[in-house]
């Protein structure tokens, strides 16, 4: 499910400081109309390439192997996680890839859809983390409410804050889904999509930093060793997958 091939400072600053003015701060209707046409063209091509059988299969229901809590950041998408995410990834996105502001969706993915993997995916140069680690008192109330549940130290370096937040989210999930983890029904993984190479592991890598609360690289590798029946039987995913980097 992970691909090894899984923004700039201006974006982070613009979130932290509502007074910052950018060219697209309020958007433009003309741009939106043009983009809708692009979306329609892409969707038409997508539908034609996949064909009716593909969509008939999707209509029968979903059994996603992973529930993914990712940041809403436009630079973070499924194409670096899964070559065929349809029906495979139950995607949940919010600012700061946090459980607290999307708890119902997370519970639905795990308890009702039966995902065996909960992936919490942070990313480099995260504006939400930059904001949470600074003074965000002048932002809109709804945004402040979501930032309030991100617990990172004030003034922390961006990538350190990102990793700290991922570890905090894993810790919260371990409390919430302790029984499922203990019984071997759920694996909770924390990772960072590092397109900026802030972790010095390579640009565009997904670095796994936490598995079921284990953060030491040797313990992480041990946690990811095959243990279940499917793995012992040589189960192979229908997706083209490459291992993520263990940080």
C-alpha atoms as a PDB file:
ATOM      1  CA  UNK A   1       0.000   0.000   0.000  1.00  0.00           C
ATOM      2  CA  UNK A   2       2.870   2.330   0.623  1.00  0.00           C
ATOM      3  CA  UNK A   3       4.957   3.573  -2.260  1.00  0.00           C
ATOM      4  CA  UNK A   4       8.530   4.615  -1.791  1.00  0.00           C
ATOM      5  CA  UNK A   5       7.591   7.564  -3.992  1.00  0.00           C
ATOM      6  CA  UNK A   6       5.127   8.705  -1.285  1.00  0.00           C
ATOM      7  CA  UNK A   7       5.127  23.770   0.494  1.00  0.00           C
ATOM      8  CA  UNK A   8       6.621  25.971   0.395  1.00  0.00           C
ATOM      9  CA  UNK A   9       7.217  28.112   3.523  1.00  0.00           C
ATOM     10  CA  UNK A  10       4.784  30.665   2.152  1.00  0.00           C
ATOM     11  CA  UNK A  11       1.825  28.352   2.595  1.00  0.00           C
ATOM     12  CA  UNK A  12       2.696  27.617   6.217  1.00  0.00           C
ATOM     13  CA  UNK A  13       3.125  31.310   6.929  1.00  0.00           C
ATOM     14  CA  UNK A  14      -0.184  32.181   5.269  1.00  0.00           C
ATOM     15  CA  UNK A  15      -2.031  29.799   7.591  1.00  0.00           C
ATOM     16  CA  UNK A  16      -0.240  31.128  10.672  1.00  0.00           C
ATOM     17  CA  UNK A  17      -0.840  34.771   9.797  1.00  0.00           C
ATOM     18  CA  UNK A  18      -4.324  35.697   8.532  1.00  0.00           C
ATOM     19  CA  UNK A  19      -3.067  39.149   7.578  1.00  0.00           C
ATOM     20  CA  UNK A  20      -0.754  37.698   4.930  1.00  0.00           C
ATOM     21  CA  UNK A  21      -2.075  38.475   1.456  1.00  0.00           C
ATOM     22  CA  UNK A  22      -1.475  36.117  -1.442  1.00  0.00           C
ATOM     23  CA  UNK A  23      -2.615  36.130  -5.050  1.00  0.00           C
ATOM     24  CA  UNK A  24      -5.238  33.439  -4.426  1.00  0.00           C
ATOM     25  CA  UNK A  25      -6.316  34.326  -0.887  1.00  0.00           C
ATOM     26  CA  UNK A  26      -9.970  34.727  -1.834  1.00  0.00           C
ATOM     27  CA  UNK A  27      -9.953  32.821  -5.106  1.00  0.00           C
ATOM     28  CA  UNK A  28     -11.506  33.817  -8.394  1.00  0.00           C
ATOM     29  CA  UNK A  29     -14.756  32.551  -9.876  1.00  0.00           C
ATOM     30  CA  UNK A  30     -13.241  32.500 -13.369  1.00  0.00           C
ATOM     31  CA  UNK A  31     -10.497  30.174 -12.167  1.00  0.00           C
ATOM     32  CA  UNK A  32     -13.118  27.939 -10.555  1.00  0.00           C
ATOM     33  CA  UNK A  33     -15.191  27.717 -13.737  1.00  0.00           C
ATOM     34  CA  UNK A  34     -12.138  26.764 -15.757  1.00  0.00           C
ATOM     35  CA  UNK A  35     -11.139  24.148 -13.209  1.00  0.00           C
ATOM     36  CA  UNK A  36     -14.615  22.570 -13.205  1.00  0.00           C
ATOM     37  CA  UNK A  37     -14.210  22.000 -16.940  1.00  0.00           C
ATOM     38  CA  UNK A  38     -10.850  20.350 -16.286  1.00  0.00           C
ATOM     39  CA  UNK A  39     -12.439  18.119 -13.663  1.00  0.00           C
ATOM     40  CA  UNK A  40     -15.211  17.093 -16.021  1.00  0.00           C
ATOM     41  CA  UNK A  41     -12.722  16.188 -18.736  1.00  0.00           C
ATOM     42  CA  UNK A  42     -10.575  14.157 -16.357  1.00  0.00           C
ATOM     43  CA  UNK A  43     -13.629  12.380 -14.930  1.00  0.00           C
ATOM     44  CA  UNK A  44     -14.886  11.527 -18.410  1.00  0.00           C
ATOM     45  CA  UNK A  45     -11.524  10.036 -19.327  1.00  0.00           C
ATOM     46  CA  UNK A  46     -11.348   8.167 -16.008  1.00  0.00           C
ATOM     47  CA  UNK A  47     -14.796   6.640 -16.542  1.00  0.00           C
ATOM     48  CA  UNK A  48     -13.954   5.592 -20.097  1.00  0.00           C
ATOM     49  CA  UNK A  49     -10.663   3.969 -19.107  1.00  0.00           C
ATOM     50  CA  UNK A  50     -12.117   1.980 -16.216  1.00  0.00           C
ATOM     51  CA  UNK A  51     -15.339   0.875 -17.872  1.00  0.00           C
ATOM     52  CA  UNK A  52     -18.708  -0.250 -16.539  1.00  0.00           C
ATOM     53  CA  UNK A  53     -17.461  -3.447 -14.890  1.00  0.00           C
ATOM     54  CA  UNK A  54     -15.128  -1.504 -12.622  1.00  0.00           C
ATOM     55  CA  UNK A  55     -17.940   0.720 -11.355  1.00  0.00           C
ATOM     56  CA  UNK A  56     -20.331  -2.221 -10.959  1.00  0.00           C
ATOM     57  CA  UNK A  57     -17.778  -3.829  -8.664  1.00  0.00           C
ATOM     58  CA  UNK A  58     -17.497  -0.630  -6.625  1.00  0.00           C
ATOM     59  CA  UNK A  59     -21.265  -0.406  -6.283  1.00  0.00           C
ATOM     60  CA  UNK A  60     -21.391  -3.722  -4.416  1.00  0.00           C
ATOM     61  CA  UNK A  61     -19.890  -2.180  -1.289  1.00  0.00           C
ATOM     62  CA  UNK A  62     -16.594  -1.331   0.305  1.00  0.00           C
ATOM     63  CA  UNK A  63     -14.140  -3.276   2.423  1.00  0.00           C
ATOM     64  CA  UNK A  64     -11.143  -0.935   2.718  1.00  0.00           C
ATOM     65  CA  UNK A  65      -7.981  -2.477   4.084  1.00  0.00           C
ATOM     66  CA  UNK A  66      -6.876   0.857   5.526  1.00  0.00           C
ATOM     67  CA  UNK A  67      -8.452   3.804   7.258  1.00  0.00           C
ATOM     68  CA  UNK A  68      -6.163   6.741   6.540  1.00  0.00           C
ATOM     69  CA  UNK A  69      -6.131   9.956   8.549  1.00  0.00           C
ATOM     70  CA  UNK A  70      -4.235  12.467   6.431  1.00  0.00           C
ATOM     71  CA  UNK A  71      -3.902  16.225   6.372  1.00  0.00           C
ATOM     72  CA  UNK A  72      -6.181  18.254   4.106  1.00  0.00           C
ATOM     73  CA  UNK A  73      -3.089  19.786   2.482  1.00  0.00           C
ATOM     74  CA  UNK A  74      -3.462  19.730  -1.311  1.00  0.00           C
ATOM     75  CA  UNK A  75       0.019  18.244  -1.690  1.00  0.00           C
ATOM     76  CA  UNK A  76      -0.980  15.041   0.108  1.00  0.00           C
ATOM     77  CA  UNK A  77      -3.002  12.548  -1.933  1.00  0.00           C
ATOM     78  CA  UNK A  78      -3.649   8.863  -2.448  1.00  0.00           C
ATOM     79  CA  UNK A  79      -1.534   8.506  -5.570  1.00  0.00           C
ATOM     80  CA  UNK A  80       1.596   7.968  -3.498  1.00  0.00           C
ATOM     81  CA  UNK A  81      -0.122   5.424  -1.244  1.00  0.00           C
ATOM     82  CA  UNK A  82      -1.952   3.048  -3.534  1.00  0.00           C
ATOM     83  CA  UNK A  83      -2.046   2.437  -7.270  1.00  0.00           C
ATOM     84  CA  UNK A  84      -5.757   1.564  -7.037  1.00  0.00           C
ATOM     85  CA  UNK A  85      -7.172   3.294  -3.946  1.00  0.00           C
ATOM     86  CA  UNK A  86     -10.839   2.808  -4.900  1.00  0.00           C
ATOM     87  CA  UNK A  87     -12.394   0.510  -2.315  1.00  0.00           C
ATOM     88  CA  UNK A  88      -9.016   0.080  -0.623  1.00  0.00           C
ATOM     89  CA  UNK A  89      -8.457   3.321   1.303  1.00  0.00           C
ATOM     90  CA  UNK A  90     -11.068   4.897   3.563  1.00  0.00           C
ATOM     91  CA  UNK A  91      -9.737   8.444   3.444  1.00  0.00           C
ATOM     92  CA  UNK A  92     -10.244  10.944   6.256  1.00  0.00           C
ATOM     93  CA  UNK A  93      -8.712  14.376   5.888  1.00  0.00           C
ATOM     94  CA  UNK A  94      -8.545  17.328   8.236  1.00  0.00           C
ATOM     95  CA  UNK A  95      -6.016  19.989   9.126  1.00  0.00           C
ATOM     96  CA  UNK A  96      -3.204  18.403  11.090  1.00  0.00           C
ATOM     97  CA  UNK A  97      -4.205  14.779  10.324  1.00  0.00           C
ATOM     98  CA  UNK A  98      -5.818  14.422  13.728  1.00  0.00           C
ATOM     99  CA  UNK A  99      -8.238  11.946  15.238  1.00  0.00           C
ATOM    100  CA  UNK A 100     -10.063  14.311  17.616  1.00  0.00           C
ATOM    101  CA  UNK A 101     -11.738  16.337  14.861  1.00  0.00           C
ATOM    102  CA  UNK A 102     -12.750  13.279  12.830  1.00  0.00           C
ATOM    103  CA  UNK A 103     -13.428  10.636  15.457  1.00  0.00           C
ATOM    104  CA  UNK A 104     -16.730   9.471  14.001  1.00  0.00           C
ATOM    105  CA  UNK A 105     -15.218   8.879  10.584  1.00  0.00           C
ATOM    106  CA  UNK A 106     -12.270   6.980  12.082  1.00  0.00           C
ATOM    107  CA  UNK A 107     -14.577   4.778  14.136  1.00  0.00           C
ATOM    108  CA  UNK A 108     -16.703   4.062  11.081  1.00  0.00           C
ATOM    109  CA  UNK A 109     -13.689   2.936   9.086  1.00  0.00           C
ATOM    110  CA  UNK A 110     -12.414   0.659  11.837  1.00  0.00           C
ATOM    111  CA  UNK A 111     -15.556  -0.581  13.561  1.00  0.00           C
ATOM    112  CA  UNK A 112     -17.987  -0.794  10.654  1.00  0.00           C
ATOM    113  CA  UNK A 113     -15.863  -1.191   7.540  1.00  0.00           C
ATOM    114  CA  UNK A 114     -13.349  -3.473   9.214  1.00  0.00           C
ATOM    115  CA  UNK A 115     -10.097  -1.763   8.206  1.00  0.00           C
ATOM    116  CA  UNK A 116      -7.153  -3.656   9.640  1.00  0.00           C
ATOM    117  CA  UNK A 117      -4.772  -0.716   9.256  1.00  0.00           C
ATOM    118  CA  UNK A 118      -5.133   2.748  10.731  1.00  0.00           C
ATOM    119  CA  UNK A 119      -2.562   4.969   9.030  1.00  0.00           C
ATOM    120  CA  UNK A 120      -1.966   8.434  10.438  1.00  0.00           C
ATOM    121  CA  UNK A 121      -0.094  10.392   7.807  1.00  0.00           C
ATOM    122  CA  UNK A 122       1.586  13.698   8.583  1.00  0.00           C
ATOM    123  CA  UNK A 123       3.681  15.642   6.092  1.00  0.00           C
ATOM    124  CA  UNK A 124       6.555  18.071   5.885  1.00  0.00           C
ATOM    125  CA  UNK A 125       5.947  21.833   5.889  1.00  0.00           C
ATOM    126  CA  UNK A 126       2.517  21.386   7.462  1.00  0.00           C
ATOM    127  CA  UNK A 127       0.756  24.724   7.878  1.00  0.00           C
ATOM    128  CA  UNK A 128      -1.499  23.408  10.646  1.00  0.00           C
ATOM    129  CA  UNK A 129       1.503  22.394  12.733  1.00  0.00           C
ATOM    130  CA  UNK A 130       3.207  25.723  12.061  1.00  0.00           C
ATOM    131  CA  UNK A 131       0.061  27.495  13.211  1.00  0.00           C
ATOM    132  CA  UNK A 132      -0.481  25.299  16.280  1.00  0.00           C
ATOM    133  CA  UNK A 133       3.076  25.921  17.417  1.00  0.00           C
ATOM    134  CA  UNK A 134       2.665  29.695  17.214  1.00  0.00           C
ATOM    135  CA  UNK A 135       0.072  32.331  18.103  1.00  0.00           C
ATOM    136  CA  UNK A 136      -3.102  31.599  16.148  1.00  0.00           C
ATOM    137  CA  UNK A 137      -5.453  33.700  18.265  1.00  0.00           C
ATOM    138  CA  UNK A 138      -6.420  35.956  15.341  1.00  0.00           C
ATOM    139  CA  UNK A 139      -7.593  33.154  13.093  1.00  0.00           C
ATOM    140  CA  UNK A 140     -11.256  32.285  12.526  1.00  0.00           C
ATOM    141  CA  UNK A 141     -13.010  30.577  15.438  1.00  0.00           C
ATOM    142  CA  UNK A 142     -13.657  27.353  13.529  1.00  0.00           C
ATOM    143  CA  UNK A 143      -9.996  27.071  12.573  1.00  0.00           C
ATOM    144  CA  UNK A 144      -8.867  27.845  16.125  1.00  0.00           C
ATOM    145  CA  UNK A 145     -11.149  25.095  17.402  1.00  0.00           C
ATOM    146  CA  UNK A 146      -9.419  22.528  15.206  1.00  0.00           C
ATOM    147  CA  UNK A 147      -5.944  23.805  16.037  1.00  0.00           C
ATOM    148  CA  UNK A 148      -6.719  23.597  19.762  1.00  0.00           C
ATOM    149  CA  UNK A 149      -6.625  19.798  19.601  1.00  0.00           C
ATOM    150  CA  UNK A 150      -3.115  19.720  18.130  1.00  0.00           C
ATOM    151  CA  UNK A 151      -0.715  19.452  21.053  1.00  0.00           C
ATOM    152  CA  UNK A 152       2.755  20.524  19.973  1.00  0.00           C
ATOM    153  CA  UNK A 153       5.264  22.755  21.726  1.00  0.00           C
ATOM    154  CA  UNK A 154       5.277  26.436  20.883  1.00  0.00           C
ATOM    155  CA  UNK A 155       8.152  27.442  18.632  1.00  0.00           C
ATOM    156  CA  UNK A 156       9.034  23.851  17.735  1.00  0.00           C
ATOM    157  CA  UNK A 157      10.796  23.261  14.421  1.00  0.00           C
ATOM    158  CA  UNK A 158       8.306  22.340  11.697  1.00  0.00           C
ATOM    159  CA  UNK A 159       9.363  18.735  11.043  1.00  0.00           C
ATOM    160  CA  UNK A 160       9.802  18.061  14.762  1.00  0.00           C
ATOM    161  CA  UNK A 161       6.288  19.322  15.362  1.00  0.00           C
ATOM    162  CA  UNK A 162       4.975  17.158  12.528  1.00  0.00           C
ATOM    163  CA  UNK A 163       6.550  14.040  14.023  1.00  0.00           C
ATOM    164  CA  UNK A 164       5.407  14.934  17.524  1.00  0.00           C
ATOM    165  CA  UNK A 165       1.848  15.354  16.302  1.00  0.00           C
ATOM    166  CA  UNK A 166       1.898  12.013  14.473  1.00  0.00           C
ATOM    167  CA  UNK A 167       3.123  10.290  17.626  1.00  0.00           C
ATOM    168  CA  UNK A 168       0.427  12.039  19.662  1.00  0.00           C
ATOM    169  CA  UNK A 169      -2.250  10.846  17.238  1.00  0.00           C
ATOM    170  CA  UNK A 170      -0.971   7.268  17.416  1.00  0.00           C
ATOM    171  CA  UNK A 171      -1.009   7.449  21.225  1.00  0.00           C
ATOM    172  CA  UNK A 172      -4.615   8.677  21.184  1.00  0.00           C
ATOM    173  CA  UNK A 173      -5.629   5.923  18.768  1.00  0.00           C
ATOM    174  CA  UNK A 174      -3.948   3.271  20.913  1.00  0.00           C
ATOM    175  CA  UNK A 175      -6.104   4.316  23.856  1.00  0.00           C
ATOM    176  CA  UNK A 176      -9.267   4.358  21.763  1.00  0.00           C
ATOM    177  CA  UNK A 177      -8.663   1.047  19.980  1.00  0.00           C
ATOM    178  CA  UNK A 178      -6.562  -0.781  22.567  1.00  0.00           C
ATOM    179  CA  UNK A 179      -8.633  -3.960  22.439  1.00  0.00           C
ATOM    180  CA  UNK A 180      -8.512  -4.245  18.641  1.00  0.00           C
ATOM    181  CA  UNK A 181      -4.734  -3.792  18.691  1.00  0.00           C
ATOM    182  CA  UNK A 182      -4.281  -6.283  21.547  1.00  0.00           C
ATOM    183  CA  UNK A 183      -6.344  -8.927  19.752  1.00  0.00           C
ATOM    184  CA  UNK A 184      -4.377  -8.447  16.533  1.00  0.00           C
ATOM    185  CA  UNK A 185      -7.281  -7.000  14.553  1.00  0.00           C
ATOM    186  CA  UNK A 186      -5.743  -3.564  14.019  1.00  0.00           C
ATOM    187  CA  UNK A 187      -2.310  -2.146  13.269  1.00  0.00           C
ATOM    188  CA  UNK A 188      -1.795   1.551  13.962  1.00  0.00           C
ATOM    189  CA  UNK A 189       0.948   3.185  11.939  1.00  0.00           C
ATOM    190  CA  UNK A 190       2.227   6.757  12.109  1.00  0.00           C
ATOM    191  CA  UNK A 191       4.150   8.092   9.132  1.00  0.00           C
ATOM    192  CA  UNK A 192       5.407  11.314   7.564  1.00  0.00           C
ATOM    193  CA  UNK A 193       5.179  12.098   3.864  1.00  0.00           C
ATOM    194  CA  UNK A 194       8.339  14.132   3.466  1.00  0.00           C
ATOM    195  CA  UNK A 195       8.247  15.855   0.091  1.00  0.00           C
ATOM    196  CA  UNK A 196      10.652  18.523   1.401  1.00  0.00           C
ATOM    197  CA  UNK A 197      13.268  16.001   2.587  1.00  0.00           C
ATOM    198  CA  UNK A 198      13.286  17.625   6.021  1.00  0.00           C
ATOM    199  CA  UNK A 199      14.035  14.232   7.594  1.00  0.00           C
ATOM    200  CA  UNK A 200      16.981  13.685   5.225  1.00  0.00           C
ATOM    201  CA  UNK A 201      15.676  10.306   4.081  1.00  0.00           C
ATOM    202  CA  UNK A 202      14.967  11.422   0.513  1.00  0.00           C
ATOM    203  CA  UNK A 203      12.426  13.724  -1.095  1.00  0.00           C
ATOM    204  CA  UNK A 204       8.963  12.256  -1.495  1.00  0.00           C
ATOM    205  CA  UNK A 205       9.480   9.374   0.944  1.00  0.00           C
ATOM    206  CA  UNK A 206       6.891   8.142   3.393  1.00  0.00           C
ATOM    207  CA  UNK A 207       8.853   7.580   6.575  1.00  0.00           C
ATOM    208  CA  UNK A 208       7.256   5.272   9.110  1.00  0.00           C
ATOM    209  CA  UNK A 209       8.013   6.633  12.573  1.00  0.00           C
ATOM    210  CA  UNK A 210       5.572   4.772  14.810  1.00  0.00           C
ATOM    211  CA  UNK A 211       3.923   1.346  14.799  1.00  0.00           C
ATOM    212  CA  UNK A 212       1.562   0.538  17.666  1.00  0.00           C
ATOM    213  CA  UNK A 213       3.429   3.004  19.851  1.00  0.00           C
ATOM    214  CA  UNK A 214       6.895   1.703  18.998  1.00  0.00           C
ATOM    215  CA  UNK A 215       9.209   4.418  17.694  1.00  0.00           C
ATOM    216  CA  UNK A 216      12.593   2.696  17.693  1.00  0.00           C
ATOM    217  CA  UNK A 217      13.573   1.643  14.159  1.00  0.00           C
ATOM    218  CA  UNK A 218      14.344  -1.954  15.184  1.00  0.00           C
ATOM    219  CA  UNK A 219      11.054  -2.263  17.037  1.00  0.00           C
ATOM    220  CA  UNK A 220       9.192  -0.797  14.083  1.00  0.00           C
ATOM    221  CA  UNK A 221      10.693  -3.374  11.729  1.00  0.00           C
ATOM    222  CA  UNK A 222       9.751  -6.127  14.151  1.00  0.00           C
ATOM    223  CA  UNK A 223       6.181  -4.830  14.378  1.00  0.00           C
ATOM    224  CA  UNK A 224       5.919  -4.888  10.588  1.00  0.00           C
ATOM    225  CA  UNK A 225       7.102  -8.486  10.232  1.00  0.00           C
ATOM    226  CA  UNK A 226       4.341 -10.801   8.893  1.00  0.00           C
ATOM    227  CA  UNK A 227       2.372 -12.425  11.684  1.00  0.00           C
ATOM    228  CA  UNK A 228      -1.125 -13.104  10.424  1.00  0.00           C
ATOM    229  CA  UNK A 229      -2.486 -16.082   8.496  1.00  0.00           C
ATOM    230  CA  UNK A 230      -2.718 -14.204   5.200  1.00  0.00           C
ATOM    231  CA  UNK A 231       0.960 -13.308   5.345  1.00  0.00           C
ATOM    232  CA  UNK A 232       1.970 -16.841   6.327  1.00  0.00           C
ATOM    233  CA  UNK A 233       0.074 -18.159   3.310  1.00  0.00           C
ATOM    234  CA  UNK A 234       1.972 -15.811   1.037  1.00  0.00           C
ATOM    235  CA  UNK A 235      -0.891 -13.385   0.488  1.00  0.00           C
ATOM    236  CA  UNK A 236      -0.094 -10.772  -2.156  1.00  0.00           C
ATOM    237  CA  UNK A 237      -2.029  -7.537  -2.525  1.00  0.00           C
ATOM    238  CA  UNK A 238      -3.765  -6.649  -5.767  1.00  0.00           C
ATOM    239  CA  UNK A 239      -1.836  -3.376  -5.666  1.00  0.00           C
ATOM    240  CA  UNK A 240       1.690  -2.642  -6.755  1.00  0.00           C
ATOM    241  CA  UNK A 241       3.312  -1.796  -3.470  1.00  0.00           C
ATOM    242  CA  UNK A 242       6.753  -0.693  -2.381  1.00  0.00           C
ATOM    243  CA  UNK A 243       7.864  -0.492   1.255  1.00  0.00           C
ATOM    244  CA  UNK A 244       7.999   2.867   2.935  1.00  0.00           C
ATOM    245  CA  UNK A 245      11.185   4.056   4.546  1.00  0.00           C
ATOM    246  CA  UNK A 246      11.489   3.311   8.234  1.00  0.00           C
ATOM    247  CA  UNK A 247      12.936   6.388   9.869  1.00  0.00           C
END
